[in-house]
N, C-alpha and C. Protein backbone atom coordinates (compact mmCIF):
# COMPACT_ATOMS: atom_id res chain seq x y z
N MET A 1 0.83 -1.19 0.00
CA MET A 1 0.00 0.00 0.00
C MET A 1 0.87 1.26 0.00
N LYS A 2 1.93 1.23 0.79
CA LYS A 2 2.83 2.37 0.88
C LYS A 2 3.48 2.64 -0.48
N ARG A 3 3.87 1.58 -1.19
CA ARG A 3 4.47 1.74 -2.51
C ARG A 3 3.45 2.32 -3.50
N PHE A 4 2.21 1.90 -3.38
CA PHE A 4 1.16 2.41 -4.27
C PHE A 4 0.99 3.91 -4.08
N VAL A 5 0.94 4.35 -2.83
CA VAL A 5 0.79 5.78 -2.53
C VAL A 5 1.98 6.56 -3.07
N LEU A 6 3.18 6.03 -2.88
CA LEU A 6 4.36 6.70 -3.39
C LEU A 6 4.35 6.76 -4.92
N ALA A 7 3.90 5.69 -5.56
CA ALA A 7 3.82 5.66 -7.02
C ALA A 7 2.82 6.70 -7.52
N VAL A 8 1.69 6.81 -6.87
CA VAL A 8 0.68 7.81 -7.27
C VAL A 8 1.23 9.22 -7.08
N LEU A 9 1.89 9.46 -5.95
CA LEU A 9 2.47 10.79 -5.72
C LEU A 9 3.53 11.12 -6.76
N ALA A 10 4.35 10.16 -7.11
CA ALA A 10 5.37 10.37 -8.14
C ALA A 10 4.73 10.67 -9.48
N PHE A 11 3.66 9.96 -9.81
CA PHE A 11 2.96 10.18 -11.09
C PHE A 11 2.36 11.59 -11.14
N VAL A 12 1.73 11.99 -10.06
CA VAL A 12 1.11 13.33 -10.00
C VAL A 12 2.18 14.40 -10.13
N THR A 13 3.31 14.22 -9.45
CA THR A 13 4.40 15.20 -9.53
C THR A 13 4.94 15.32 -10.95
N VAL A 14 5.16 14.19 -11.62
CA VAL A 14 5.65 14.20 -13.00
C VAL A 14 4.61 14.83 -13.91
N ALA A 15 3.35 14.49 -13.73
CA ALA A 15 2.28 15.05 -14.57
C ALA A 15 2.19 16.56 -14.40
N ARG A 16 2.31 17.04 -13.17
CA ARG A 16 2.26 18.49 -12.95
C ARG A 16 3.46 19.18 -13.56
N ALA A 17 4.63 18.58 -13.47
CA ALA A 17 5.84 19.17 -14.05
C ALA A 17 5.72 19.24 -15.56
N ALA A 18 5.04 18.29 -16.18
CA ALA A 18 4.88 18.28 -17.63
C ALA A 18 3.83 19.28 -18.08
N ASP A 19 2.96 19.70 -17.17
CA ASP A 19 1.88 20.63 -17.51
C ASP A 19 2.38 22.05 -17.25
N PRO A 20 2.59 22.86 -18.32
CA PRO A 20 3.13 24.21 -18.12
C PRO A 20 2.18 25.13 -17.37
N PHE A 21 0.90 24.76 -17.27
CA PHE A 21 -0.07 25.62 -16.59
C PHE A 21 -0.38 25.12 -15.18
N SER A 22 0.41 24.19 -14.65
CA SER A 22 0.07 23.60 -13.36
C SER A 22 0.14 24.63 -12.24
N SER A 23 0.92 25.65 -12.37
CA SER A 23 1.01 26.64 -11.30
C SER A 23 0.86 28.04 -11.89
N VAL A 24 -0.29 28.31 -12.44
CA VAL A 24 -0.57 29.63 -13.00
C VAL A 24 -0.84 30.58 -11.84
N THR A 25 -0.11 31.70 -11.81
CA THR A 25 -0.32 32.69 -10.76
C THR A 25 -0.59 34.06 -11.39
N PHE A 26 -1.21 34.91 -10.60
CA PHE A 26 -1.54 36.25 -11.08
C PHE A 26 -0.29 37.03 -11.45
N PHE A 27 0.64 37.12 -10.53
CA PHE A 27 1.81 37.98 -10.74
C PHE A 27 2.70 37.51 -11.88
N LYS A 28 2.91 36.22 -11.99
CA LYS A 28 3.83 35.70 -13.01
C LYS A 28 3.18 35.55 -14.38
N ASP A 29 1.93 35.06 -14.42
CA ASP A 29 1.33 34.66 -15.69
C ASP A 29 0.18 35.55 -16.16
N VAL A 30 -0.67 35.97 -15.24
CA VAL A 30 -1.90 36.68 -15.61
C VAL A 30 -1.67 38.18 -15.77
N LEU A 31 -0.95 38.78 -14.84
CA LEU A 31 -0.74 40.23 -14.89
C LEU A 31 -0.14 40.71 -16.21
N PRO A 32 0.88 40.04 -16.77
CA PRO A 32 1.39 40.51 -18.07
C PRO A 32 0.33 40.52 -19.17
N ILE A 33 -0.57 39.55 -19.16
CA ILE A 33 -1.65 39.50 -20.16
C ILE A 33 -2.61 40.66 -19.94
N LEU A 34 -2.97 40.90 -18.69
CA LEU A 34 -3.89 42.00 -18.38
C LEU A 34 -3.27 43.35 -18.73
N GLN A 35 -1.98 43.51 -18.44
CA GLN A 35 -1.31 44.77 -18.76
C GLN A 35 -1.33 45.03 -20.26
N LYS A 36 -1.03 44.01 -21.03
CA LYS A 36 -0.91 44.17 -22.48
C LYS A 36 -2.27 44.33 -23.17
N ASN A 37 -3.30 43.67 -22.67
CA ASN A 37 -4.55 43.59 -23.42
C ASN A 37 -5.77 44.20 -22.74
N CYS A 38 -5.72 44.45 -21.44
CA CYS A 38 -6.95 44.82 -20.73
C CYS A 38 -6.87 46.13 -19.95
N GLN A 39 -5.73 46.42 -19.37
CA GLN A 39 -5.67 47.54 -18.43
C GLN A 39 -5.84 48.91 -19.08
N SER A 40 -5.70 49.00 -20.38
CA SER A 40 -5.92 50.32 -21.00
C SER A 40 -7.36 50.78 -20.75
N ARG A 41 -8.27 49.86 -20.58
CA ARG A 41 -9.66 50.19 -20.28
C ARG A 41 -10.07 49.78 -18.86
N HIS A 42 -9.46 48.73 -18.34
CA HIS A 42 -9.80 48.21 -17.02
C HIS A 42 -8.85 48.75 -15.97
N ARG A 43 -8.99 50.06 -15.72
CA ARG A 43 -8.24 50.72 -14.65
C ARG A 43 -9.07 51.91 -14.18
N PRO A 44 -8.79 52.42 -12.99
CA PRO A 44 -9.58 53.54 -12.48
C PRO A 44 -9.60 54.72 -13.45
N GLY A 45 -10.78 55.27 -13.63
CA GLY A 45 -10.94 56.43 -14.49
C GLY A 45 -11.17 56.12 -15.95
N GLN A 46 -11.19 54.84 -16.31
CA GLN A 46 -11.40 54.47 -17.71
C GLN A 46 -12.80 53.87 -17.89
N VAL A 47 -13.11 53.43 -19.09
CA VAL A 47 -14.48 53.07 -19.44
C VAL A 47 -14.98 51.73 -18.91
N ALA A 48 -14.11 50.81 -18.59
CA ALA A 48 -14.55 49.50 -18.13
C ALA A 48 -15.11 49.58 -16.71
N PRO A 49 -16.04 48.70 -16.38
CA PRO A 49 -16.72 48.79 -15.08
C PRO A 49 -15.89 48.35 -13.88
N MET A 50 -14.73 47.71 -14.10
CA MET A 50 -13.91 47.30 -12.98
C MET A 50 -12.44 47.40 -13.34
N SER A 51 -11.63 47.55 -12.30
CA SER A 51 -10.19 47.64 -12.49
C SER A 51 -9.60 46.23 -12.49
N LEU A 52 -8.57 46.03 -13.32
CA LEU A 52 -7.82 44.78 -13.33
C LEU A 52 -6.33 45.07 -13.11
N ILE A 53 -6.05 46.07 -12.30
CA ILE A 53 -4.68 46.49 -12.03
C ILE A 53 -3.99 45.56 -11.03
N SER A 54 -4.70 45.15 -10.00
CA SER A 54 -4.08 44.36 -8.94
C SER A 54 -4.78 43.00 -8.80
N HIS A 55 -4.15 42.11 -8.06
CA HIS A 55 -4.76 40.81 -7.77
C HIS A 55 -6.04 41.02 -6.98
N LYS A 56 -6.01 41.94 -6.04
CA LYS A 56 -7.20 42.23 -5.22
C LYS A 56 -8.37 42.68 -6.12
N ASP A 57 -8.05 43.48 -7.16
CA ASP A 57 -9.09 43.94 -8.09
C ASP A 57 -9.60 42.80 -8.97
N ALA A 58 -8.68 42.00 -9.49
CA ALA A 58 -9.02 41.00 -10.52
C ALA A 58 -9.59 39.71 -9.96
N ARG A 59 -9.16 39.29 -8.78
CA ARG A 59 -9.55 37.98 -8.27
C ARG A 59 -11.06 37.76 -8.20
N PRO A 60 -11.86 38.72 -7.72
CA PRO A 60 -13.30 38.47 -7.69
C PRO A 60 -13.91 38.25 -9.08
N TRP A 61 -13.21 38.67 -10.12
CA TRP A 61 -13.71 38.57 -11.49
C TRP A 61 -13.12 37.39 -12.25
N ALA A 62 -12.38 36.53 -11.59
CA ALA A 62 -11.65 35.45 -12.27
C ALA A 62 -12.56 34.60 -13.15
N LYS A 63 -13.68 34.13 -12.63
CA LYS A 63 -14.58 33.27 -13.42
C LYS A 63 -15.21 34.06 -14.58
N ALA A 64 -15.55 35.32 -14.32
CA ALA A 64 -16.11 36.17 -15.39
C ALA A 64 -15.06 36.43 -16.47
N ILE A 65 -13.81 36.62 -16.06
CA ILE A 65 -12.73 36.81 -17.03
C ILE A 65 -12.60 35.57 -17.89
N LYS A 66 -12.62 34.41 -17.26
CA LYS A 66 -12.53 33.15 -18.01
C LYS A 66 -13.65 33.06 -19.05
N THR A 67 -14.87 33.31 -18.62
CA THR A 67 -16.01 33.24 -19.55
C THR A 67 -15.86 34.25 -20.68
N ALA A 68 -15.49 35.46 -20.35
CA ALA A 68 -15.38 36.52 -21.36
C ALA A 68 -14.30 36.22 -22.40
N VAL A 69 -13.17 35.67 -21.96
CA VAL A 69 -12.09 35.42 -22.92
C VAL A 69 -12.28 34.12 -23.69
N THR A 70 -12.86 33.09 -23.05
CA THR A 70 -13.06 31.83 -23.77
C THR A 70 -14.16 31.95 -24.82
N THR A 71 -15.11 32.84 -24.60
CA THR A 71 -16.16 33.09 -25.59
C THR A 71 -15.78 34.20 -26.56
N ARG A 72 -14.57 34.74 -26.37
CA ARG A 72 -14.02 35.81 -27.23
C ARG A 72 -14.87 37.08 -27.20
N GLN A 73 -15.57 37.29 -26.08
CA GLN A 73 -16.30 38.56 -25.90
C GLN A 73 -15.35 39.66 -25.46
N MET A 74 -14.25 39.26 -24.82
CA MET A 74 -13.24 40.20 -24.36
C MET A 74 -11.88 39.64 -24.74
N PRO A 75 -10.91 40.49 -24.93
CA PRO A 75 -11.05 41.93 -25.05
C PRO A 75 -11.74 42.30 -26.36
N LEU A 76 -12.42 43.42 -26.32
CA LEU A 76 -13.10 43.88 -27.53
C LEU A 76 -12.09 44.12 -28.64
N TRP A 77 -12.30 43.47 -29.76
CA TRP A 77 -11.43 43.66 -30.92
C TRP A 77 -12.17 43.18 -32.14
N PHE A 78 -12.56 44.11 -33.00
CA PHE A 78 -13.40 43.77 -34.14
C PHE A 78 -12.67 43.79 -35.48
N ALA A 79 -11.41 44.18 -35.47
CA ALA A 79 -10.66 44.24 -36.73
C ALA A 79 -10.42 42.82 -37.24
N ASP A 80 -10.55 42.64 -38.52
CA ASP A 80 -10.35 41.33 -39.15
C ASP A 80 -8.87 41.16 -39.48
N PRO A 81 -8.20 40.15 -38.89
CA PRO A 81 -6.76 39.99 -39.10
C PRO A 81 -6.38 39.67 -40.55
N LYS A 82 -7.33 39.24 -41.36
CA LYS A 82 -6.96 38.95 -42.75
C LYS A 82 -6.69 40.23 -43.55
N TYR A 83 -6.97 41.39 -42.95
CA TYR A 83 -6.70 42.66 -43.62
C TYR A 83 -5.44 43.34 -43.10
N GLY A 84 -4.64 42.62 -42.34
CA GLY A 84 -3.36 43.17 -41.90
C GLY A 84 -3.19 43.13 -40.40
N HIS A 85 -2.01 43.56 -39.98
CA HIS A 85 -1.68 43.62 -38.56
C HIS A 85 -1.93 45.03 -38.05
N PHE A 86 -2.48 45.13 -36.85
CA PHE A 86 -2.76 46.43 -36.25
C PHE A 86 -1.90 46.58 -35.01
N THR A 87 -1.24 47.72 -34.86
CA THR A 87 -0.32 47.90 -33.74
C THR A 87 -1.03 47.91 -32.39
N ASN A 88 -2.30 48.24 -32.37
CA ASN A 88 -3.04 48.27 -31.11
C ASN A 88 -3.91 47.02 -30.92
N ASP A 89 -3.57 45.94 -31.59
CA ASP A 89 -4.34 44.69 -31.51
C ASP A 89 -4.32 44.16 -30.08
N ARG A 90 -5.48 44.04 -29.46
CA ARG A 90 -5.60 43.53 -28.10
C ARG A 90 -6.13 42.10 -28.07
N SER A 91 -6.35 41.49 -29.22
CA SER A 91 -6.90 40.14 -29.21
C SER A 91 -5.93 39.18 -28.53
N LEU A 92 -6.47 38.14 -27.94
CA LEU A 92 -5.67 37.19 -27.18
C LEU A 92 -5.29 35.98 -28.01
N LYS A 93 -4.09 35.49 -27.77
CA LYS A 93 -3.65 34.23 -28.37
C LYS A 93 -4.30 33.09 -27.59
N LYS A 94 -4.38 31.94 -28.20
CA LYS A 94 -4.97 30.76 -27.55
C LYS A 94 -4.25 30.46 -26.24
N THR A 95 -2.93 30.57 -26.22
CA THR A 95 -2.18 30.29 -24.98
C THR A 95 -2.53 31.28 -23.87
N GLU A 96 -2.80 32.54 -24.23
CA GLU A 96 -3.19 33.53 -23.23
C GLU A 96 -4.57 33.22 -22.67
N ILE A 97 -5.49 32.83 -23.54
CA ILE A 97 -6.83 32.43 -23.10
C ILE A 97 -6.73 31.23 -22.17
N ASP A 98 -5.93 30.24 -22.55
CA ASP A 98 -5.75 29.05 -21.71
C ASP A 98 -5.17 29.41 -20.35
N THR A 99 -4.23 30.35 -20.32
CA THR A 99 -3.63 30.78 -19.06
C THR A 99 -4.66 31.43 -18.15
N LEU A 100 -5.46 32.34 -18.70
CA LEU A 100 -6.49 33.02 -17.90
C LEU A 100 -7.53 32.02 -17.39
N ALA A 101 -7.92 31.07 -18.23
CA ALA A 101 -8.90 30.06 -17.83
C ALA A 101 -8.33 29.17 -16.72
N LYS A 102 -7.10 28.74 -16.88
CA LYS A 102 -6.47 27.88 -15.88
C LYS A 102 -6.33 28.61 -14.55
N TRP A 103 -5.99 29.89 -14.61
CA TRP A 103 -5.88 30.70 -13.39
C TRP A 103 -7.22 30.71 -12.65
N ALA A 104 -8.29 30.93 -13.37
CA ALA A 104 -9.62 30.95 -12.76
C ALA A 104 -9.98 29.57 -12.21
N ASP A 105 -9.66 28.53 -12.96
CA ASP A 105 -10.02 27.16 -12.56
C ASP A 105 -9.22 26.64 -11.38
N THR A 106 -8.05 27.22 -11.12
CA THR A 106 -7.19 26.72 -10.05
C THR A 106 -7.18 27.65 -8.84
N GLY A 107 -8.19 28.48 -8.69
CA GLY A 107 -8.33 29.28 -7.48
C GLY A 107 -7.85 30.71 -7.57
N ALA A 108 -7.47 31.17 -8.76
CA ALA A 108 -7.05 32.57 -8.96
C ALA A 108 -5.98 32.98 -7.96
N VAL A 109 -4.93 32.16 -7.88
CA VAL A 109 -3.84 32.34 -6.93
C VAL A 109 -3.01 33.58 -7.27
N ALA A 110 -2.59 34.30 -6.24
CA ALA A 110 -1.78 35.50 -6.43
C ALA A 110 -0.36 35.15 -6.84
N GLY A 111 0.25 34.22 -6.13
CA GLY A 111 1.65 33.90 -6.39
C GLY A 111 2.57 34.88 -5.67
N ASP A 112 3.80 34.94 -6.10
CA ASP A 112 4.82 35.78 -5.47
C ASP A 112 4.88 37.14 -6.17
N ALA A 113 4.69 38.20 -5.41
CA ALA A 113 4.70 39.56 -5.98
C ALA A 113 6.03 39.89 -6.65
N LYS A 114 7.10 39.19 -6.28
CA LYS A 114 8.40 39.43 -6.93
C LYS A 114 8.38 39.02 -8.40
N ASP A 115 7.43 38.16 -8.78
CA ASP A 115 7.33 37.71 -10.17
C ASP A 115 6.60 38.72 -11.07
N ALA A 116 6.02 39.75 -10.47
CA ALA A 116 5.21 40.71 -11.23
C ALA A 116 6.08 41.59 -12.11
N PRO A 117 5.60 41.87 -13.32
CA PRO A 117 6.29 42.88 -14.13
C PRO A 117 6.07 44.25 -13.50
N PRO A 118 6.90 45.23 -13.85
CA PRO A 118 6.66 46.57 -13.30
C PRO A 118 5.28 47.08 -13.74
N PRO A 119 4.64 47.88 -12.89
CA PRO A 119 3.33 48.42 -13.28
C PRO A 119 3.47 49.32 -14.50
N VAL A 120 2.44 49.34 -15.31
CA VAL A 120 2.43 50.21 -16.48
C VAL A 120 2.25 51.65 -15.98
N GLN A 121 3.03 52.55 -16.52
CA GLN A 121 2.89 53.96 -16.19
C GLN A 121 1.93 54.59 -17.20
N TRP A 122 0.68 54.64 -16.85
CA TRP A 122 -0.33 55.16 -17.77
C TRP A 122 -0.24 56.67 -17.82
N PRO A 123 -0.43 57.26 -18.98
CA PRO A 123 -0.39 58.73 -19.10
C PRO A 123 -1.45 59.37 -18.22
N LYS A 124 -1.10 60.50 -17.61
CA LYS A 124 -2.04 61.19 -16.73
C LYS A 124 -3.30 61.63 -17.47
N GLU A 125 -3.16 61.96 -18.74
CA GLU A 125 -4.31 62.43 -19.51
C GLU A 125 -5.20 61.27 -19.96
N GLY A 126 -4.78 60.04 -19.73
CA GLY A 126 -5.59 58.90 -20.11
C GLY A 126 -5.28 58.34 -21.48
N TRP A 127 -4.49 59.03 -22.27
CA TRP A 127 -4.18 58.56 -23.62
C TRP A 127 -3.14 57.45 -23.55
N THR A 128 -3.34 56.40 -24.34
CA THR A 128 -2.30 55.37 -24.43
C THR A 128 -1.38 55.68 -25.60
N ILE A 129 -1.84 56.50 -26.54
CA ILE A 129 -1.00 57.04 -27.61
C ILE A 129 -1.24 58.54 -27.60
N GLN A 130 -0.24 59.28 -27.95
CA GLN A 130 -0.39 60.73 -27.93
C GLN A 130 -0.95 61.22 -29.26
N PRO A 131 -2.00 62.02 -29.22
CA PRO A 131 -2.55 62.58 -30.45
C PRO A 131 -1.62 63.64 -31.03
N GLU A 132 -1.76 63.88 -32.32
CA GLU A 132 -0.94 64.91 -32.95
C GLU A 132 -1.35 66.30 -32.50
N SER A 133 -2.66 66.47 -32.24
CA SER A 133 -3.11 67.74 -31.71
C SER A 133 -4.37 67.52 -30.89
N VAL A 134 -4.58 68.41 -29.95
CA VAL A 134 -5.77 68.39 -29.11
C VAL A 134 -6.42 69.75 -29.25
N MET A 135 -7.70 69.77 -29.55
CA MET A 135 -8.42 71.03 -29.73
C MET A 135 -9.44 71.21 -28.64
N GLU A 136 -9.48 72.39 -28.07
CA GLU A 136 -10.49 72.73 -27.09
C GLU A 136 -11.64 73.40 -27.83
N LEU A 137 -12.83 72.89 -27.69
CA LEU A 137 -14.00 73.43 -28.36
C LEU A 137 -14.99 73.95 -27.32
N PRO A 138 -15.83 74.90 -27.72
CA PRO A 138 -16.83 75.39 -26.77
C PRO A 138 -17.84 74.27 -26.47
N PRO A 139 -18.47 74.32 -25.31
CA PRO A 139 -19.47 73.30 -24.99
C PRO A 139 -20.61 73.30 -26.00
N HIS A 140 -21.17 72.15 -26.22
CA HIS A 140 -22.28 72.02 -27.16
C HIS A 140 -23.31 71.08 -26.54
N ASP A 141 -24.54 71.59 -26.39
CA ASP A 141 -25.60 70.74 -25.83
C ASP A 141 -26.07 69.76 -26.88
N VAL A 142 -26.19 68.51 -26.48
CA VAL A 142 -26.71 67.48 -27.37
C VAL A 142 -28.09 67.12 -26.85
N PRO A 143 -29.10 67.26 -27.72
CA PRO A 143 -30.46 66.95 -27.25
C PRO A 143 -30.59 65.47 -26.89
N ALA A 144 -31.45 65.22 -25.91
CA ALA A 144 -31.64 63.85 -25.44
C ALA A 144 -32.32 63.00 -26.51
N ARG A 145 -33.05 63.64 -27.41
CA ARG A 145 -33.77 62.91 -28.43
C ARG A 145 -33.65 63.62 -29.77
N VAL A 146 -33.34 62.87 -30.78
CA VAL A 146 -33.20 63.44 -32.11
C VAL A 146 -34.17 62.73 -33.01
N SER A 147 -34.89 63.50 -33.81
CA SER A 147 -35.77 62.84 -34.79
C SER A 147 -35.10 62.96 -36.16
N TRP A 148 -35.04 61.86 -36.84
CA TRP A 148 -34.42 61.82 -38.16
C TRP A 148 -35.52 61.82 -39.22
N SER A 149 -35.36 62.71 -40.19
CA SER A 149 -36.35 62.75 -41.26
C SER A 149 -35.99 61.79 -42.37
N GLY A 150 -34.71 61.39 -42.43
CA GLY A 150 -34.27 60.43 -43.46
C GLY A 150 -34.51 60.96 -44.86
N SER A 151 -33.72 60.49 -45.80
CA SER A 151 -33.94 60.92 -47.17
C SER A 151 -33.83 59.76 -48.10
């Protein structure tokens, strides 16, 4: 019986070592994906409904993140790759989707903060790319309802 238990433990250890996703952690594996593809919108002051800057922010959303990326609902990216490469392409590779899913499935572990990449220094103005010019215009009221006469 003792040999059987040892054999099973050895098998599990070898199987986990062969599985590159056996120890997916936020700081080492997930955070770089979020920085590259999600944080431009998922950070305080931006359009997304929640921040994905820290493990504390992202962990409650782990299962929702898995669902959103496996169904390709997130990150939003509608450009068709058959028409060329886009420098701001946020679409995820299959390996990135698998990493996020595995992280959610294995308890959304934080891991060691020393494994984290440096935080992204987002521009104070909110731009991820700098525009060639910025124009200040007078305020303009937009009516709550517009009727179109069509032609």
